[in-house]
Amino acid sequence: MSRLAELQQGFLGFLLGHESDFVDHVLDQGKVSARTRAYIYRKGYLLLLRDSINTHHDILGYYMGDELFDRMIDGYIDQYPSRNTTLRHFAEHIPQFLRENARFSDHPGLAVLGAFDRMVLFAFDAPDVGCGAQDTISTLPAESWPSLRIRFHPIMQFFQAHWNSVEIWQALKADAG
């Protein structure tokens, strides 16, 4: 492993609270020690990850309550450290985490609620494409109907749940609104 790769691994380990000699490589500068500055940066990084989950899963957090949601976030960050340069996909494993973590797996509706939260989030990322209007379709000649190809809008997603999670999500969203 190259020296740069070692420093990067040490930096990531430090950010995630693991044993690391990374702080030894930070230079003292000004009145704030290298150690203090490194720990401020680590705290900021973890707050950024937490804020990302809070923002993208606000309804799940509202449902779980602050204390339990905070525990879920801590466990998630430990188990699924960020591996992407964007925070958009950081919490993509929340449904899996909720299904598999012993603290939450006895409540399968949580994972379904987390999955629905993800679907709603990515609805905003769908391509902006035009849709056929009912008036346009109704004016097509009858002979064109057999060869007509209808496609769903790219945002179309199928969601199957064995729990009333969508209804819970809608009620919480209306209440939080």
Protein backbone atom coordinates (compact mmCIF):
# COMPACT_ATOMS: atom_id res chain seq x y z
CA MET A 1 0.00 0.00 0.00
CA SER A 2 1.35 3.43 -0.89
CA ARG A 3 2.07 6.02 1.76
CA LEU A 4 -0.84 8.15 0.49
CA ALA A 5 -3.21 5.18 0.72
CA GLU A 6 -2.00 4.51 4.28
CA LEU A 7 -2.65 8.13 5.25
CA GLN A 8 -6.09 8.02 3.66
CA GLN A 9 -6.96 4.78 5.50
CA GLY A 10 -5.69 6.29 8.75
CA PHE A 11 -7.76 9.43 8.13
CA LEU A 12 -10.92 7.42 7.45
CA GLY A 13 -10.27 5.26 10.51
CA PHE A 14 -9.81 8.37 12.62
CA LEU A 15 -13.03 9.92 11.28
CA LEU A 16 -14.94 6.79 12.21
CA GLY A 17 -13.46 6.64 15.70
CA HIS A 18 -11.09 3.72 15.17
CA GLU A 19 -7.52 3.50 16.43
CA SER A 20 -5.37 5.54 14.09
CA ASP A 21 -2.13 7.49 14.17
CA PHE A 22 -3.62 10.05 11.80
CA VAL A 23 -3.47 12.90 14.33
CA ASP A 24 0.31 12.50 14.42
CA HIS A 25 0.38 13.65 10.78
CA VAL A 26 -1.61 16.85 11.36
CA LEU A 27 0.52 19.94 11.74
CA ASP A 28 0.11 22.40 14.58
CA GLN A 29 -1.10 25.73 13.28
CA GLY A 30 -2.10 28.83 15.16
CA LYS A 31 -3.50 28.70 18.67
CA VAL A 32 -5.51 25.51 18.22
CA SER A 33 -3.52 22.29 18.53
CA ALA A 34 -3.41 19.75 15.72
CA ARG A 35 -5.18 17.23 17.95
CA THR A 36 -8.01 19.64 18.75
CA ARG A 37 -8.43 20.62 15.10
CA ALA A 38 -8.51 16.96 14.04
CA TYR A 39 -11.18 16.15 16.63
CA ILE A 40 -13.24 19.18 15.60
CA TYR A 41 -13.09 17.94 12.01
CA ARG A 42 -14.10 14.42 13.07
CA LYS A 43 -17.05 15.76 15.06
CA GLY A 44 -18.12 17.86 12.07
CA TYR A 45 -17.87 14.86 9.75
CA LEU A 46 -20.03 12.70 12.02
CA LEU A 47 -22.55 15.53 12.37
CA LEU A 48 -22.71 15.78 8.58
CA LEU A 49 -23.46 12.05 8.30
CA ARG A 50 -26.10 12.31 11.03
CA ASP A 51 -27.68 15.34 9.38
CA SER A 52 -27.84 13.48 6.07
CA ILE A 53 -29.80 10.64 7.66
CA ASN A 54 -32.02 13.09 9.57
CA THR A 55 -32.78 14.95 6.35
CA HIS A 56 -33.40 11.91 4.15
CA HIS A 57 -35.32 9.91 6.75
CA ASP A 58 -37.17 12.55 8.69
CA ILE A 59 -40.45 10.61 8.72
CA LEU A 60 -38.72 7.46 10.00
CA GLY A 61 -37.12 9.60 12.72
CA TYR A 62 -40.45 11.14 13.60
CA TYR A 63 -41.95 7.66 13.92
CA MET A 64 -39.09 6.20 15.99
CA GLY A 65 -38.65 9.17 18.30
CA ASP A 66 -35.42 11.05 18.95
CA GLU A 67 -33.71 8.62 21.34
CA LEU A 68 -34.30 5.45 19.33
CA PHE A 69 -33.59 7.21 16.03
CA ASP A 70 -30.29 8.54 17.41
CA ARG A 71 -29.30 5.00 18.43
CA MET A 72 -30.24 3.76 14.97
CA ILE A 73 -28.11 6.46 13.34
CA ASP A 74 -25.11 5.65 15.55
CA GLY A 75 -25.38 1.94 14.75
CA TYR A 76 -25.84 2.63 11.06
CA ILE A 77 -22.78 4.91 10.84
CA ASP A 78 -20.69 2.26 12.60
CA GLN A 79 -21.89 -0.54 10.34
CA TYR A 80 -22.09 1.36 7.04
CA PRO A 81 -19.39 4.01 6.86
CA SER A 82 -19.70 6.38 3.91
CA ARG A 83 -18.08 4.98 0.78
CA ASN A 84 -19.23 7.62 -1.65
CA THR A 85 -18.21 11.19 -2.39
CA THR A 86 -21.83 12.30 -2.11
CA LEU A 87 -24.17 11.98 0.85
CA ARG A 88 -27.14 11.30 -1.43
CA HIS A 89 -26.62 7.55 -1.25
CA PHE A 90 -25.10 7.32 2.21
CA ALA A 91 -28.24 5.98 3.91
CA GLU A 92 -29.17 3.52 1.16
CA HIS A 93 -28.71 0.53 3.47
CA ILE A 94 -31.05 1.80 6.20
CA PRO A 95 -33.84 -0.69 5.33
CA GLN A 96 -31.34 -3.58 5.40
CA PHE A 97 -29.85 -2.32 8.66
CA LEU A 98 -33.30 -2.16 10.26
CA ARG A 99 -34.12 -5.68 9.04
CA GLU A 100 -30.87 -7.22 10.26
CA ASN A 101 -29.99 -5.33 13.44
CA ALA A 102 -31.20 -7.17 16.55
CA ARG A 103 -32.42 -3.97 18.18
CA PHE A 104 -34.83 -3.24 15.30
CA SER A 105 -35.50 -6.55 13.51
CA ASP A 106 -38.39 -7.47 15.82
CA HIS A 107 -40.26 -4.54 14.25
CA PRO A 108 -40.23 -5.28 10.50
CA GLY A 109 -42.45 -2.31 9.75
CA LEU A 110 -39.47 -0.05 10.48
CA ALA A 111 -37.51 -1.48 7.55
CA VAL A 112 -40.52 -1.06 5.27
CA LEU A 113 -40.96 2.52 6.43
CA GLY A 114 -37.26 3.15 5.77
CA ALA A 115 -37.56 1.63 2.29
CA PHE A 116 -40.55 3.82 1.49
CA ASP A 117 -38.64 6.87 2.73
CA ARG A 118 -35.87 5.96 0.24
CA MET A 119 -38.33 5.61 -2.64
CA VAL A 120 -39.86 9.00 -1.95
CA LEU A 121 -36.39 10.54 -1.74
CA PHE A 122 -35.37 9.18 -5.14
CA ALA A 123 -38.63 10.28 -6.72
CA PHE A 124 -37.08 13.73 -6.75
CA ASP A 125 -34.14 12.41 -8.80
CA ALA A 126 -36.24 11.05 -11.64
CA PRO A 127 -35.61 12.46 -15.10
CA ASP A 128 -37.87 15.29 -16.15
CA VAL A 129 -39.68 13.80 -19.12
CA GLY A 130 -42.93 14.71 -20.76
CA CYS A 131 -46.06 12.70 -20.21
CA GLY A 132 -48.81 11.89 -22.66
CA ALA A 133 -52.03 13.68 -21.95
CA GLN A 134 -55.33 11.81 -21.90
CA ASP A 135 -56.66 14.15 -24.61
CA THR A 136 -53.75 13.24 -26.90
CA ILE A 137 -54.25 9.51 -26.46
CA SER A 138 -57.99 9.72 -27.05
CA THR A 139 -57.43 11.43 -30.41
CA LEU A 140 -55.25 8.63 -31.81
CA PRO A 141 -56.91 6.69 -34.63
CA ALA A 142 -58.16 3.23 -33.68
CA GLU A 143 -55.84 1.52 -36.20
CA SER A 144 -52.76 2.87 -34.33
CA TRP A 145 -53.76 1.27 -31.01
CA PRO A 146 -52.39 -2.25 -31.74
CA SER A 147 -48.88 -0.89 -32.32
CA LEU A 148 -49.03 1.73 -29.59
CA ARG A 149 -46.25 1.40 -27.02
CA ILE A 150 -47.00 2.88 -23.65
CA ARG A 151 -44.14 3.31 -21.20
CA PHE A 152 -44.25 4.22 -17.57
CA HIS A 153 -42.69 7.47 -16.48
CA PRO A 154 -39.14 6.83 -15.12
CA ILE A 155 -40.37 7.71 -11.62
CA MET A 156 -42.79 4.78 -11.64
CA GLN A 157 -41.90 2.41 -8.82
CA PHE A 158 -43.70 -0.59 -7.46
CA PHE A 159 -43.79 -0.90 -3.72
CA GLN A 160 -45.20 -3.91 -1.96
CA ALA A 161 -45.56 -3.89 1.80
CA HIS A 162 -47.02 -6.41 4.20
CA TRP A 163 -47.37 -3.67 6.78
CA ASN A 164 -49.36 -0.45 6.78
CA SER A 165 -46.12 1.52 6.49
CA VAL A 166 -47.26 3.70 3.59
CA GLU A 167 -50.34 4.75 5.51
CA ILE A 168 -48.20 5.41 8.59
CA TRP A 169 -45.76 7.44 6.47
CA GLN A 170 -48.61 9.51 4.99
CA ALA A 171 -50.17 10.17 8.40
CA LEU A 172 -46.82 11.19 9.90
CA LYS A 173 -46.05 13.43 6.92
CA ALA A 174 -49.42 15.15 7.28
CA ASP A 175 -48.88 15.54 11.03
CA ALA A 176 -45.31 16.86 10.64
CA GLY A 177 -46.28 19.14 7.74
